[in-house]
Amino acid sequence: MKMIKFTEIGQFRHTIRNVCYRKEDEPVRKFPTLKFIGTVKLHGTNAGVSYSKKNGIWCQSRSNIITPEKDNAGFAAFVESRKDFFEAHFASMIAVLDSFARDNFIITIFGEWCGGNIQKGVAINGLEKMFVTFAIRLTDTLDPENHWYIPSDIKDHNLRIYSTNDFPTYEINIDFNNPLESQAKIVKIVEAVEKECPVGKYFGVSGTGEGLVFANYENQKRQYIFKAKGQKHSTSKVKKLATVDVEKLKSINEFVEYVITENRLNQGIEQVFTVNNIELDIKHTGLYLKWVSGDVFKEELDTLIKNGLEHKDVGKLMTTKARLWFMDYLNKIV
């Protein structure tokens, strides 16, 4: 069994950079206009169900293979009780592959395991737990770089399995010659979702939504995907949603204030301890601080560079702020 991670989801500006990247000696060219489908970003925990001919079916959290005995919020047990459903879907997908792919590919159904007490502060918190699928990945085990995604419409509402396509979706054509033109449209959609979560509304619950994920899967070899969160769930203190340019920050203190937010610190608790089933204890402070630092540099490296800062400039202050918050968090739950 092999751990198959879903691609990292960056910001709008990261997608602009990826689409418009060219080497210095390449001529200026016209950039494409691409269609993105926005689906509601559910505030839960990333989960996946994988299949290969050699190993059959297995489950995973964002970063680990899990089992009913060593689970993540009950997801593996949920899948085990619905194994016939997943086996049938994998069989139908395998049937359309050639013999090489059948023998060497891993198929992974990705989704969000949400509801119940998995997260807080959103409309779907407190609903019965559900698995909401959003993408299927095919991975060549002989060449893991050879992989691609397709949208998922796998669902069975009687089994508490849904697709993000069951809920409102939002289509937007982004002209990458003038991405600023699309920014206002994205912001308007995100603000509406944050004000009233469409998924919560579907289940008769009113409340806050986290944001959206916009994806373009038209080209199997070049998928583009970005997230756009509302102000209440953003892990950085952005002045504008779905920014096209990085924020201009004036100092190291401002950078640390910008990135070490309550949302990011709480997300670290969930990712380090809940997802990995690790005891929430002071002895794991180093693990927690490492995650926070890594998440900042993964999401905000371009902001750091744009402001002429380096890791050594901000690392100590970031760690101090995160450590003090973590100590206070532990004291409150004792």
C-alpha atoms as a PDB file:
ATOM      1  CA  MET A   1       0.000   0.000   0.000  1.00  0.00           C
ATOM      2  CA  LYS A   2       1.275   3.445  -0.900  1.00  0.00           C
ATOM      3  CA  MET A   3       0.347   6.827   0.543  1.00  0.00           C
ATOM      4  CA  ILE A   4      -1.082   9.015  -2.236  1.00  0.00           C
ATOM      5  CA  LYS A   5      -1.264  12.690  -1.292  1.00  0.00           C
ATOM      6  CA  PHE A   6      -3.626  15.148  -2.899  1.00  0.00           C
ATOM      7  CA  THR A   7      -1.869  18.020  -4.639  1.00  0.00           C
ATOM      8  CA  GLU A   8      -1.159  21.109  -2.553  1.00  0.00           C
ATOM      9  CA  ILE A   9      -3.805  23.761  -3.122  1.00  0.00           C
ATOM     10  CA  GLY A  10      -2.272  27.210  -3.402  1.00  0.00           C
ATOM     11  CA  GLN A  11      -3.651  30.717  -3.757  1.00  0.00           C
ATOM     12  CA  PHE A  12      -4.948  32.456  -6.893  1.00  0.00           C
ATOM     13  CA  ARG A  13      -1.639  34.261  -7.301  1.00  0.00           C
ATOM     14  CA  HIS A  14       0.209  30.909  -7.355  1.00  0.00           C
ATOM     15  CA  THR A  15      -1.983  29.685 -10.209  1.00  0.00           C
ATOM     16  CA  ILE A  16      -1.355  32.929 -12.115  1.00  0.00           C
ATOM     17  CA  ARG A  17       2.373  32.401 -11.710  1.00  0.00           C
ATOM     18  CA  ASN A  18       2.166  28.754 -12.873  1.00  0.00           C
ATOM     19  CA  VAL A  19       0.034  29.531 -15.918  1.00  0.00           C
ATOM     20  CA  CYS A  20       2.062  32.572 -16.954  1.00  0.00           C
ATOM     21  CA  TYR A  21       5.550  31.257 -16.174  1.00  0.00           C
ATOM     22  CA  ARG A  22       8.130  31.619 -18.929  1.00  0.00           C
ATOM     23  CA  LYS A  23      11.911  31.563 -19.028  1.00  0.00           C
ATOM     24  CA  GLU A  24      13.701  34.868 -19.395  1.00  0.00           C
ATOM     25  CA  ASP A  25      14.803  34.135 -22.963  1.00  0.00           C
ATOM     26  CA  GLU A  26      11.335  33.026 -24.097  1.00  0.00           C
ATOM     27  CA  PRO A  27       9.311  35.491 -26.162  1.00  0.00           C
ATOM     28  CA  VAL A  28       6.281  37.160 -24.622  1.00  0.00           C
ATOM     29  CA  ARG A  29       3.211  35.206 -25.637  1.00  0.00           C
ATOM     30  CA  LYS A  30      -0.522  35.412 -25.252  1.00  0.00           C
ATOM     31  CA  PHE A  31      -1.679  33.533 -22.182  1.00  0.00           C
ATOM     32  CA  PRO A  32      -4.750  31.294 -22.235  1.00  0.00           C
ATOM     33  CA  THR A  33      -8.261  31.857 -20.969  1.00  0.00           C
ATOM     34  CA  LEU A  34      -9.179  28.845 -18.829  1.00  0.00           C
ATOM     35  CA  LYS A  35     -12.499  27.692 -17.418  1.00  0.00           C
ATOM     36  CA  PHE A  36     -12.460  27.033 -13.674  1.00  0.00           C
ATOM     37  CA  ILE A  37     -15.232  25.311 -11.737  1.00  0.00           C
ATOM     38  CA  GLY A  38     -15.578  26.485  -8.155  1.00  0.00           C
ATOM     39  CA  THR A  39     -16.924  24.083  -5.526  1.00  0.00           C
ATOM     40  CA  VAL A  40     -17.646  24.831  -1.894  1.00  0.00           C
ATOM     41  CA  LYS A  41     -14.583  24.221   0.320  1.00  0.00           C
ATOM     42  CA  LEU A  42     -15.718  22.074   3.214  1.00  0.00           C
ATOM     43  CA  HIS A  43     -14.141  22.578   6.616  1.00  0.00           C
ATOM     44  CA  GLY A  44     -13.298  19.024   7.616  1.00  0.00           C
ATOM     45  CA  THR A  45     -10.277  16.779   7.149  1.00  0.00           C
ATOM     46  CA  ASN A  46      -8.849  15.491   3.868  1.00  0.00           C
ATOM     47  CA  ALA A  47      -9.459  11.778   3.284  1.00  0.00           C
ATOM     48  CA  GLY A  48      -8.960   9.265   0.515  1.00  0.00           C
ATOM     49  CA  VAL A  49      -9.871   5.725  -0.492  1.00  0.00           C
ATOM     50  CA  SER A  50      -7.287   4.005  -2.700  1.00  0.00           C
ATOM     51  CA  TYR A  51      -7.263   0.814  -4.758  1.00  0.00           C
ATOM     52  CA  SER A  52      -4.635  -1.226  -6.564  1.00  0.00           C
ATOM     53  CA  LYS A  53      -4.811  -4.708  -8.069  1.00  0.00           C
ATOM     54  CA  LYS A  54      -2.059  -5.881  -5.711  1.00  0.00           C
ATOM     55  CA  ASN A  55      -3.392  -4.478  -2.423  1.00  0.00           C
ATOM     56  CA  GLY A  56      -7.116  -4.007  -2.872  1.00  0.00           C
ATOM     57  CA  ILE A  57      -8.684  -1.106  -0.938  1.00  0.00           C
ATOM     58  CA  TRP A  58      -7.079   1.034   1.756  1.00  0.00           C
ATOM     59  CA  CYS A  59      -7.854   4.354   3.467  1.00  0.00           C
ATOM     60  CA  GLN A  60      -5.795   7.413   4.235  1.00  0.00           C
ATOM     61  CA  SER A  61      -5.886  10.740   6.022  1.00  0.00           C
ATOM     62  CA  ARG A  62      -4.063  13.750   4.617  1.00  0.00           C
ATOM     63  CA  SER A  63      -0.670  12.283   5.509  1.00  0.00           C
ATOM     64  CA  ASN A  64      -1.068   8.683   6.730  1.00  0.00           C
ATOM     65  CA  ILE A  65      -2.545   5.342   5.780  1.00  0.00           C
ATOM     66  CA  ILE A  66      -5.251   4.599   8.356  1.00  0.00           C
ATOM     67  CA  THR A  67      -7.248   1.573   9.510  1.00  0.00           C
ATOM     68  CA  PRO A  68     -10.303   1.082  11.755  1.00  0.00           C
ATOM     69  CA  GLU A  69      -7.822   0.210  14.533  1.00  0.00           C
ATOM     70  CA  LYS A  70      -5.703   3.316  13.927  1.00  0.00           C
ATOM     71  CA  ASP A  71      -8.246   5.720  12.529  1.00  0.00           C
ATOM     72  CA  ASN A  72      -8.748   9.412  11.822  1.00  0.00           C
ATOM     73  CA  ALA A  73     -12.074  10.630  13.228  1.00  0.00           C
ATOM     74  CA  GLY A  74     -13.696   7.317  12.259  1.00  0.00           C
ATOM     75  CA  PHE A  75     -13.134   7.544   8.504  1.00  0.00           C
ATOM     76  CA  ALA A  76     -11.571   4.104   7.972  1.00  0.00           C
ATOM     77  CA  ALA A  77     -14.383   2.480   9.956  1.00  0.00           C
ATOM     78  CA  PHE A  78     -16.882   4.411   7.822  1.00  0.00           C
ATOM     79  CA  VAL A  79     -15.304   3.059   4.613  1.00  0.00           C
ATOM     80  CA  GLU A  80     -15.071  -0.493   5.975  1.00  0.00           C
ATOM     81  CA  SER A  81     -18.818  -0.518   6.630  1.00  0.00           C
ATOM     82  CA  ARG A  82     -19.389   0.581   3.006  1.00  0.00           C
ATOM     83  CA  LYS A  83     -16.722  -1.553   1.372  1.00  0.00           C
ATOM     84  CA  ASP A  84     -19.124  -3.088  -1.176  1.00  0.00           C
ATOM     85  CA  PHE A  85     -19.968   0.377  -2.479  1.00  0.00           C
ATOM     86  CA  PHE A  86     -16.328   1.336  -3.015  1.00  0.00           C
ATOM     87  CA  GLU A  87     -15.410  -2.046  -4.501  1.00  0.00           C
ATOM     88  CA  ALA A  88     -18.165  -1.651  -7.098  1.00  0.00           C
ATOM     89  CA  HIS A  89     -16.948   1.811  -8.116  1.00  0.00           C
ATOM     90  CA  PHE A  90     -13.320   0.741  -8.355  1.00  0.00           C
ATOM     91  CA  ALA A  91     -14.372  -2.243 -10.482  1.00  0.00           C
ATOM     92  CA  SER A  92     -16.212   0.033 -12.916  1.00  0.00           C
ATOM     93  CA  MET A  93     -13.180   2.330 -13.181  1.00  0.00           C
ATOM     94  CA  ILE A  94     -10.736  -0.549 -13.660  1.00  0.00           C
ATOM     95  CA  ALA A  95     -12.934  -1.962 -16.431  1.00  0.00           C
ATOM     96  CA  VAL A  96     -12.195   0.987 -18.748  1.00  0.00           C
ATOM     97  CA  LEU A  97      -8.399   0.898 -18.247  1.00  0.00           C
ATOM     98  CA  ASP A  98      -5.963  -1.031 -20.428  1.00  0.00           C
ATOM     99  CA  SER A  99      -4.087  -4.052 -19.070  1.00  0.00           C
ATOM    100  CA  PHE A 100      -0.964  -2.040 -18.147  1.00  0.00           C
ATOM    101  CA  ALA A 101      -2.967   0.479 -16.121  1.00  0.00           C
ATOM    102  CA  ARG A 102      -4.955  -2.264 -14.404  1.00  0.00           C
ATOM    103  CA  ASP A 103      -1.741  -3.892 -13.201  1.00  0.00           C
ATOM    104  CA  ASN A 104       0.262  -0.769 -12.312  1.00  0.00           C
ATOM    105  CA  PHE A 105      -2.068   2.081 -11.419  1.00  0.00           C
ATOM    106  CA  ILE A 106      -3.432   3.210  -8.074  1.00  0.00           C
ATOM    107  CA  ILE A 107      -6.854   4.836  -8.153  1.00  0.00           C
ATOM    108  CA  THR A 108      -7.634   7.219  -5.289  1.00  0.00           C
ATOM    109  CA  ILE A 109     -11.001   8.780  -4.529  1.00  0.00           C
ATOM    110  CA  PHE A 110     -10.341  12.024  -2.642  1.00  0.00           C
ATOM    111  CA  GLY A 111     -12.864  13.878  -0.540  1.00  0.00           C
ATOM    112  CA  GLU A 112     -13.529  15.778   2.652  1.00  0.00           C
ATOM    113  CA  TRP A 113     -14.520  13.857   5.788  1.00  0.00           C
ATOM    114  CA  CYS A 114     -16.641  16.427   7.557  1.00  0.00           C
ATOM    115  CA  GLY A 115     -19.533  17.108   9.895  1.00  0.00           C
ATOM    116  CA  GLY A 116     -19.826  15.899  13.469  1.00  0.00           C
ATOM    117  CA  ASN A 117     -17.135  17.414  15.675  1.00  0.00           C
ATOM    118  CA  ILE A 118     -14.357  17.219  13.067  1.00  0.00           C
ATOM    119  CA  GLN A 119     -14.119  21.009  12.823  1.00  0.00           C
ATOM    120  CA  LYS A 120     -15.882  24.013  14.299  1.00  0.00           C
ATOM    121  CA  GLY A 121     -17.092  27.449  13.310  1.00  0.00           C
ATOM    122  CA  VAL A 122     -18.941  26.492  10.110  1.00  0.00           C
ATOM    123  CA  ALA A 123     -22.503  25.576   9.150  1.00  0.00           C
ATOM    124  CA  ILE A 124     -21.786  21.870   8.596  1.00  0.00           C
ATOM    125  CA  ASN A 125     -20.324  21.396  12.078  1.00  0.00           C
ATOM    126  CA  GLY A 126     -22.668  19.155  14.058  1.00  0.00           C
ATOM    127  CA  LEU A 127     -24.276  17.483  11.043  1.00  0.00           C
ATOM    128  CA  GLU A 128     -23.956  13.715  10.831  1.00  0.00           C
ATOM    129  CA  LYS A 129     -20.503  12.840   9.505  1.00  0.00           C
ATOM    130  CA  MET A 130     -20.267  12.484   5.732  1.00  0.00           C
ATOM    131  CA  PHE A 131     -17.705  11.873   3.002  1.00  0.00           C
ATOM    132  CA  VAL A 132     -17.891  14.441   0.187  1.00  0.00           C
ATOM    133  CA  THR A 133     -15.846  13.362  -2.837  1.00  0.00           C
ATOM    134  CA  PHE A 134     -14.239  15.964  -5.084  1.00  0.00           C
ATOM    135  CA  ALA A 135     -11.574  14.294  -7.263  1.00  0.00           C
ATOM    136  CA  ILE A 136     -10.204  10.983  -8.483  1.00  0.00           C
ATOM    137  CA  ARG A 137      -6.485  10.530  -9.030  1.00  0.00           C
ATOM    138  CA  LEU A 138      -4.832   7.890 -11.214  1.00  0.00           C
ATOM    139  CA  THR A 139      -1.188   7.252 -10.303  1.00  0.00           C
ATOM    140  CA  ASP A 140       1.332   5.136 -12.228  1.00  0.00           C
ATOM    141  CA  THR A 141       3.233   3.190  -9.539  1.00  0.00           C
ATOM    142  CA  LEU A 142       6.204   2.773 -11.885  1.00  0.00           C
ATOM    143  CA  ASP A 143       6.392   6.526 -12.437  1.00  0.00           C
ATOM    144  CA  PRO A 144       4.504   8.468  -9.692  1.00  0.00           C
ATOM    145  CA  GLU A 145       5.079  11.717 -11.602  1.00  0.00           C
ATOM    146  CA  ASN A 146       2.762  10.260 -14.225  1.00  0.00           C
ATOM    147  CA  HIS A 147      -0.583  11.007 -12.622  1.00  0.00           C
ATOM    148  CA  TRP A 148      -3.695  13.015 -13.327  1.00  0.00           C
ATOM    149  CA  TYR A 149      -6.955  14.064 -11.740  1.00  0.00           C
ATOM    150  CA  ILE A 150     -10.560  14.012 -12.872  1.00  0.00           C
ATOM    151  CA  PRO A 151     -13.567  15.457 -11.016  1.00  0.00           C
ATOM    152  CA  SER A 152     -15.513  12.989  -8.890  1.00  0.00           C
ATOM    153  CA  ASP A 153     -19.246  12.432  -9.018  1.00  0.00           C
ATOM    154  CA  ILE A 154     -19.146   9.330  -6.819  1.00  0.00           C
ATOM    155  CA  LYS A 155     -21.989   9.413  -4.312  1.00  0.00           C
ATOM    156  CA  ASP A 156     -24.748   7.565  -2.494  1.00  0.00           C
ATOM    157  CA  HIS A 157     -26.730   9.808  -0.184  1.00  0.00           C
ATOM    158  CA  ASN A 158     -28.193   6.855   1.711  1.00  0.00           C
ATOM    159  CA  LEU A 159     -24.629   5.956   2.717  1.00  0.00           C
ATOM    160  CA  ARG A 160     -23.716   9.568   3.661  1.00  0.00           C
ATOM    161  CA  ILE A 161     -21.462   9.811   0.599  1.00  0.00           C
ATOM    162  CA  TYR A 162     -21.846  12.984  -1.465  1.00  0.00           C
ATOM    163  CA  SER A 163     -20.074  14.775  -4.296  1.00  0.00           C
ATOM    164  CA  THR A 164     -19.172  18.465  -4.273  1.00  0.00           C
ATOM    165  CA  ASN A 165     -21.246  18.607  -7.454  1.00  0.00           C
ATOM    166  CA  ASP A 166     -24.358  17.866  -5.380  1.00  0.00           C
ATOM    167  CA  PHE A 167     -24.108  21.419  -4.100  1.00  0.00           C
ATOM    168  CA  PRO A 168     -23.932  24.747  -5.974  1.00  0.00           C
ATOM    169  CA  THR A 169     -20.923  25.151  -8.276  1.00  0.00           C
ATOM    170  CA  TYR A 170     -19.538  28.331  -9.795  1.00  0.00           C
ATOM    171  CA  GLU A 171     -18.073  28.595 -13.293  1.00  0.00           C
ATOM    172  CA  ILE A 172     -15.625  31.357 -14.132  1.00  0.00           C
ATOM    173  CA  ASN A 173     -13.471  31.960 -17.220  1.00  0.00           C
ATOM    174  CA  ILE A 174     -10.141  33.491 -16.233  1.00  0.00           C
ATOM    175  CA  ASP A 175      -8.213  35.435 -18.865  1.00  0.00           C
ATOM    176  CA  PHE A 176      -4.617  35.127 -17.678  1.00  0.00           C
ATOM    177  CA  ASN A 177      -3.636  38.132 -19.771  1.00  0.00           C
ATOM    178  CA  ASN A 178      -5.755  40.168 -17.349  1.00  0.00           C
ATOM    179  CA  PRO A 179      -6.345  38.072 -14.181  1.00  0.00           C
ATOM    180  CA  LEU A 180      -7.254  41.175 -12.182  1.00  0.00           C
ATOM    181  CA  GLU A 181     -10.521  41.230 -14.089  1.00  0.00           C
ATOM    182  CA  SER A 182     -11.521  37.900 -12.513  1.00  0.00           C
ATOM    183  CA  GLN A 183     -10.520  38.858  -8.981  1.00  0.00           C
ATOM    184  CA  ALA A 184     -13.699  40.828  -8.272  1.00  0.00           C
ATOM    185  CA  LYS A 185     -15.849  37.938  -9.494  1.00  0.00           C
ATOM    186  CA  ILE A 186     -14.035  35.454  -7.258  1.00  0.00           C
ATOM    187  CA  VAL A 187     -14.294  37.742  -4.230  1.00  0.00           C
ATOM    188  CA  LYS A 188     -18.027  38.211  -4.761  1.00  0.00           C
ATOM    189  CA  ILE A 189     -18.621  34.445  -4.845  1.00  0.00           C
ATOM    190  CA  VAL A 190     -16.404  33.797  -1.797  1.00  0.00           C
ATOM    191  CA  GLU A 191     -18.092  36.484   0.273  1.00  0.00           C
ATOM    192  CA  ALA A 192     -21.529  35.046  -0.544  1.00  0.00           C
ATOM    193  CA  VAL A 193     -20.418  31.520   0.452  1.00  0.00           C
ATOM    194  CA  GLU A 194     -18.875  32.772   3.690  1.00  0.00           C
ATOM    195  CA  LYS A 195     -22.080  34.614   4.569  1.00  0.00           C
ATOM    196  CA  GLU A 196     -24.317  31.597   3.892  1.00  0.00           C
ATOM    197  CA  CYS A 197     -22.788  28.158   3.323  1.00  0.00           C
ATOM    198  CA  PRO A 198     -24.601  26.478   0.383  1.00  0.00           C
ATOM    199  CA  VAL A 199     -23.825  23.019   1.779  1.00  0.00           C
ATOM    200  CA  GLY A 200     -25.248  23.893   5.176  1.00  0.00           C
ATOM    201  CA  LYS A 201     -28.310  25.338   3.445  1.00  0.00           C
ATOM    202  CA  TYR A 202     -28.722  22.078   1.485  1.00  0.00           C
ATOM    203  CA  PHE A 203     -29.065  20.265   4.809  1.00  0.00           C
ATOM    204  CA  GLY A 204     -31.365  22.909   6.290  1.00  0.00           C
ATOM    205  CA  VAL A 205     -28.686  24.577   8.419  1.00  0.00           C
ATOM    206  CA  SER A 206     -27.782  28.263   8.221  1.00  0.00           C
ATOM    207  CA  GLY A 207     -24.250  29.406   8.935  1.00  0.00           C
ATOM    208  CA  THR A 208     -20.763  30.331   7.758  1.00  0.00           C
ATOM    209  CA  GLY A 209     -18.973  28.729   4.808  1.00  0.00           C
ATOM    210  CA  GLU A 210     -15.197  28.401   4.558  1.00  0.00           C
ATOM    211  CA  GLY A 211     -14.696  29.397   0.942  1.00  0.00           C
ATOM    212  CA  LEU A 212     -14.231  27.745  -2.455  1.00  0.00           C
ATOM    213  CA  VAL A 213     -11.805  25.631  -4.445  1.00  0.00           C
ATOM    214  CA  PHE A 214     -11.460  26.496  -8.134  1.00  0.00           C
ATOM    215  CA  ALA A 215     -10.105  23.787 -10.431  1.00  0.00           C
ATOM    216  CA  ASN A 216      -9.312  23.315 -14.096  1.00  0.00           C
ATOM    217  CA  TYR A 217      -8.833  19.646 -14.999  1.00  0.00           C
ATOM    218  CA  GLU A 218      -9.129  20.040 -18.794  1.00  0.00           C
ATOM    219  CA  ASN A 219      -5.468  19.191 -19.445  1.00  0.00           C
ATOM    220  CA  GLN A 220      -4.496  15.844 -17.905  1.00  0.00           C
ATOM    221  CA  LYS A 221      -0.852  16.851 -17.553  1.00  0.00           C
ATOM    222  CA  ARG A 222      -1.364  20.424 -16.315  1.00  0.00           C
ATOM    223  CA  GLN A 223      -4.082  20.726 -13.729  1.00  0.00           C
ATOM    224  CA  TYR A 224      -4.581  24.082 -12.055  1.00  0.00           C
ATOM    225  CA  ILE A 225      -6.269  24.447  -8.691  1.00  0.00           C
ATOM    226  CA  PHE A 226      -6.485  27.214  -6.090  1.00  0.00           C
ATOM    227  CA  LYS A 227      -8.437  28.015  -2.956  1.00  0.00           C
ATOM    228  CA  ALA A 228     -10.142  31.230  -1.979  1.00  0.00           C
ATOM    229  CA  LYS A 229     -11.217  31.524   1.655  1.00  0.00           C
ATOM    230  CA  GLY A 230     -13.310  34.156   3.347  1.00  0.00           C
ATOM    231  CA  GLN A 231     -11.776  36.487   5.905  1.00  0.00           C
ATOM    232  CA  LYS A 232     -13.000  34.351   8.821  1.00  0.00           C
ATOM    233  CA  HIS A 233     -11.090  31.277   7.620  1.00  0.00           C
ATOM    234  CA  SER A 234      -8.035  32.710   5.896  1.00  0.00           C
ATOM    235  CA  THR A 235      -4.791  31.518   7.480  1.00  0.00           C
ATOM    236  CA  SER A 236      -3.123  34.844   6.634  1.00  0.00           C
ATOM    237  CA  LYS A 237      -4.409  38.346   7.373  1.00  0.00           C
ATOM    238  CA  VAL A 238      -5.040  39.349   3.782  1.00  0.00           C
ATOM    239  CA  LYS A 239      -6.285  42.838   3.024  1.00  0.00           C
ATOM    240  CA  LYS A 240      -7.957  41.541  -0.145  1.00  0.00           C
ATOM    241  CA  LEU A 241      -9.353  38.097  -0.948  1.00  0.00           C
ATOM    242  CA  ALA A 242      -7.962  36.122  -3.924  1.00  0.00           C
ATOM    243  CA  THR A 243      -5.035  38.520  -4.288  1.00  0.00           C
ATOM    244  CA  VAL A 244      -3.349  38.831  -7.647  1.00  0.00           C
ATOM    245  CA  ASP A 245      -0.145  40.356  -6.210  1.00  0.00           C
ATOM    246  CA  VAL A 246       1.496  39.509  -2.915  1.00  0.00           C
ATOM    247  CA  GLU A 247       0.783  41.787   0.007  1.00  0.00           C
ATOM    248  CA  LYS A 248       3.365  44.549   0.459  1.00  0.00           C
ATOM    249  CA  LEU A 249       4.587  44.225   4.016  1.00  0.00           C
ATOM    250  CA  LYS A 250       6.766  46.804   5.723  1.00  0.00           C
ATOM    251  CA  SER A 251       8.634  44.859   8.354  1.00  0.00           C
ATOM    252  CA  ILE A 252       9.431  41.544   9.948  1.00  0.00           C
ATOM    253  CA  ASN A 253       6.854  42.194  12.669  1.00  0.00           C
ATOM    254  CA  GLU A 254       4.189  42.830  10.064  1.00  0.00           C
ATOM    255  CA  PHE A 255       5.074  39.628   8.230  1.00  0.00           C
ATOM    256  CA  VAL A 256       4.801  37.569  11.410  1.00  0.00           C
ATOM    257  CA  GLU A 257       1.502  39.237  12.300  1.00  0.00           C
ATOM    258  CA  TYR A 258       0.305  38.528   8.774  1.00  0.00           C
ATOM    259  CA  VAL A 259       1.086  34.782   8.777  1.00  0.00           C
ATOM    260  CA  ILE A 260       0.825  33.610  12.406  1.00  0.00           C
ATOM    261  CA  THR A 261      -2.938  33.804  12.697  1.00  0.00           C
ATOM    262  CA  GLU A 262      -5.489  32.110  14.932  1.00  0.00           C
ATOM    263  CA  ASN A 263      -6.772  30.135  11.951  1.00  0.00           C
ATOM    264  CA  ARG A 264      -3.326  28.804  11.002  1.00  0.00           C
ATOM    265  CA  LEU A 265      -2.484  27.937  14.621  1.00  0.00           C
ATOM    266  CA  ASN A 266      -5.767  26.063  15.068  1.00  0.00           C
ATOM    267  CA  GLN A 267      -5.253  24.299  11.750  1.00  0.00           C
ATOM    268  CA  GLY A 268      -1.870  23.156  13.052  1.00  0.00           C
ATOM    269  CA  ILE A 269      -3.528  21.517  16.058  1.00  0.00           C
ATOM    270  CA  GLU A 270      -5.832  19.574  13.754  1.00  0.00           C
ATOM    271  CA  GLN A 271      -3.122  18.566  11.271  1.00  0.00           C
ATOM    272  CA  VAL A 272      -0.406  17.612  13.758  1.00  0.00           C
ATOM    273  CA  PHE A 273      -2.432  15.969  16.495  1.00  0.00           C
ATOM    274  CA  THR A 274      -5.925  15.008  15.291  1.00  0.00           C
ATOM    275  CA  VAL A 275      -5.036  13.783  11.804  1.00  0.00           C
ATOM    276  CA  ASN A 276      -1.940  11.901  12.985  1.00  0.00           C
ATOM    277  CA  ASN A 277      -3.580  10.644  16.180  1.00  0.00           C
ATOM    278  CA  ILE A 278      -0.759  12.083  18.312  1.00  0.00           C
ATOM    279  CA  GLU A 279      -1.206  12.943  21.977  1.00  0.00           C
ATOM    280  CA  LEU A 280      -1.743  16.663  22.504  1.00  0.00           C
ATOM    281  CA  ASP A 281       1.134  17.226  24.915  1.00  0.00           C
ATOM    282  CA  ILE A 282       3.902  19.747  25.554  1.00  0.00           C
ATOM    283  CA  LYS A 283       6.508  17.127  24.615  1.00  0.00           C
ATOM    284  CA  HIS A 284       5.339  17.468  20.990  1.00  0.00           C
ATOM    285  CA  THR A 285       5.859  21.235  20.853  1.00  0.00           C
ATOM    286  CA  GLY A 286       8.674  20.785  18.325  1.00  0.00           C
ATOM    287  CA  LEU A 287       6.413  18.868  15.933  1.00  0.00           C
ATOM    288  CA  TYR A 288       3.774  21.567  16.178  1.00  0.00           C
ATOM    289  CA  LEU A 289       6.191  24.451  15.564  1.00  0.00           C
ATOM    290  CA  LYS A 290       7.732  22.595  12.621  1.00  0.00           C
ATOM    291  CA  TRP A 291       4.288  22.255  11.005  1.00  0.00           C
ATOM    292  CA  VAL A 292       3.437  25.936  11.516  1.00  0.00           C
ATOM    293  CA  SER A 293       6.752  27.067  10.062  1.00  0.00           C
ATOM    294  CA  GLY A 294       6.455  24.679   7.120  1.00  0.00           C
ATOM    295  CA  ASP A 295       2.920  25.799   6.340  1.00  0.00           C
ATOM    296  CA  VAL A 296       3.958  29.458   6.345  1.00  0.00           C
ATOM    297  CA  PHE A 297       6.840  28.923   3.947  1.00  0.00           C
ATOM    298  CA  LYS A 298       4.739  26.695   1.713  1.00  0.00           C
ATOM    299  CA  GLU A 299       1.950  29.286   1.399  1.00  0.00           C
ATOM    300  CA  GLU A 300       3.797  32.597   1.751  1.00  0.00           C
ATOM    301  CA  LEU A 301       7.292  32.098   0.331  1.00  0.00           C
ATOM    302  CA  ASP A 302       6.573  34.523  -2.507  1.00  0.00           C
ATOM    303  CA  THR A 303       5.421  37.150   0.001  1.00  0.00           C
ATOM    304  CA  LEU A 304       8.640  36.696   1.967  1.00  0.00           C
ATOM    305  CA  ILE A 305      10.786  37.075  -1.147  1.00  0.00           C
ATOM    306  CA  LYS A 306       8.802  40.052  -2.450  1.00  0.00           C
ATOM    307  CA  ASN A 307       9.489  41.898   0.780  1.00  0.00           C
ATOM    308  CA  GLY A 308      13.206  41.173   0.734  1.00  0.00           C
ATOM    309  CA  LEU A 309      13.053  38.902   3.792  1.00  0.00           C
ATOM    310  CA  GLU A 310      14.696  35.551   4.490  1.00  0.00           C
ATOM    311  CA  HIS A 311      13.894  32.595   6.727  1.00  0.00           C
ATOM    312  CA  LYS A 312      16.509  33.707   9.240  1.00  0.00           C
ATOM    313  CA  ASP A 313      14.861  37.144   9.469  1.00  0.00           C
ATOM    314  CA  VAL A 314      11.440  35.897  10.539  1.00  0.00           C
ATOM    315  CA  GLY A 315      11.954  32.346  11.853  1.00  0.00           C
ATOM    316  CA  LYS A 316      12.696  33.160  15.487  1.00  0.00           C
ATOM    317  CA  LEU A 317       9.839  35.633  15.916  1.00  0.00           C
ATOM    318  CA  MET A 318       7.394  33.285  14.197  1.00  0.00           C
ATOM    319  CA  THR A 319       8.420  30.383  16.421  1.00  0.00           C
ATOM    320  CA  THR A 320       8.155  32.498  19.578  1.00  0.00           C
ATOM    321  CA  LYS A 321       4.649  33.655  18.758  1.00  0.00           C
ATOM    322  CA  ALA A 322       3.493  30.151  17.824  1.00  0.00           C
ATOM    323  CA  ARG A 323       5.069  28.614  20.950  1.00  0.00           C
ATOM    324  CA  LEU A 324       3.410  31.110  23.295  1.00  0.00           C
ATOM    325  CA  TRP A 325       0.052  30.454  21.653  1.00  0.00           C
ATOM    326  CA  PHE A 326       0.535  26.690  21.938  1.00  0.00           C
ATOM    327  CA  MET A 327       1.445  26.917  25.644  1.00  0.00           C
ATOM    328  CA  ASP A 328      -1.662  29.011  26.276  1.00  0.00           C
ATOM    329  CA  TYR A 329      -3.784  26.515  24.300  1.00  0.00           C
ATOM    330  CA  LEU A 330      -2.514  23.595  26.396  1.00  0.00           C
ATOM    331  CA  ASN A 331      -3.196  25.479  29.640  1.00  0.00           C
ATOM    332  CA  LYS A 332      -6.792  26.137  28.607  1.00  0.00           C
ATOM    333  CA  ILE A 333      -7.601  22.467  27.921  1.00  0.00           C
ATOM    334  CA  VAL A 334      -6.044  21.095  31.111  1.00  0.00           C
END
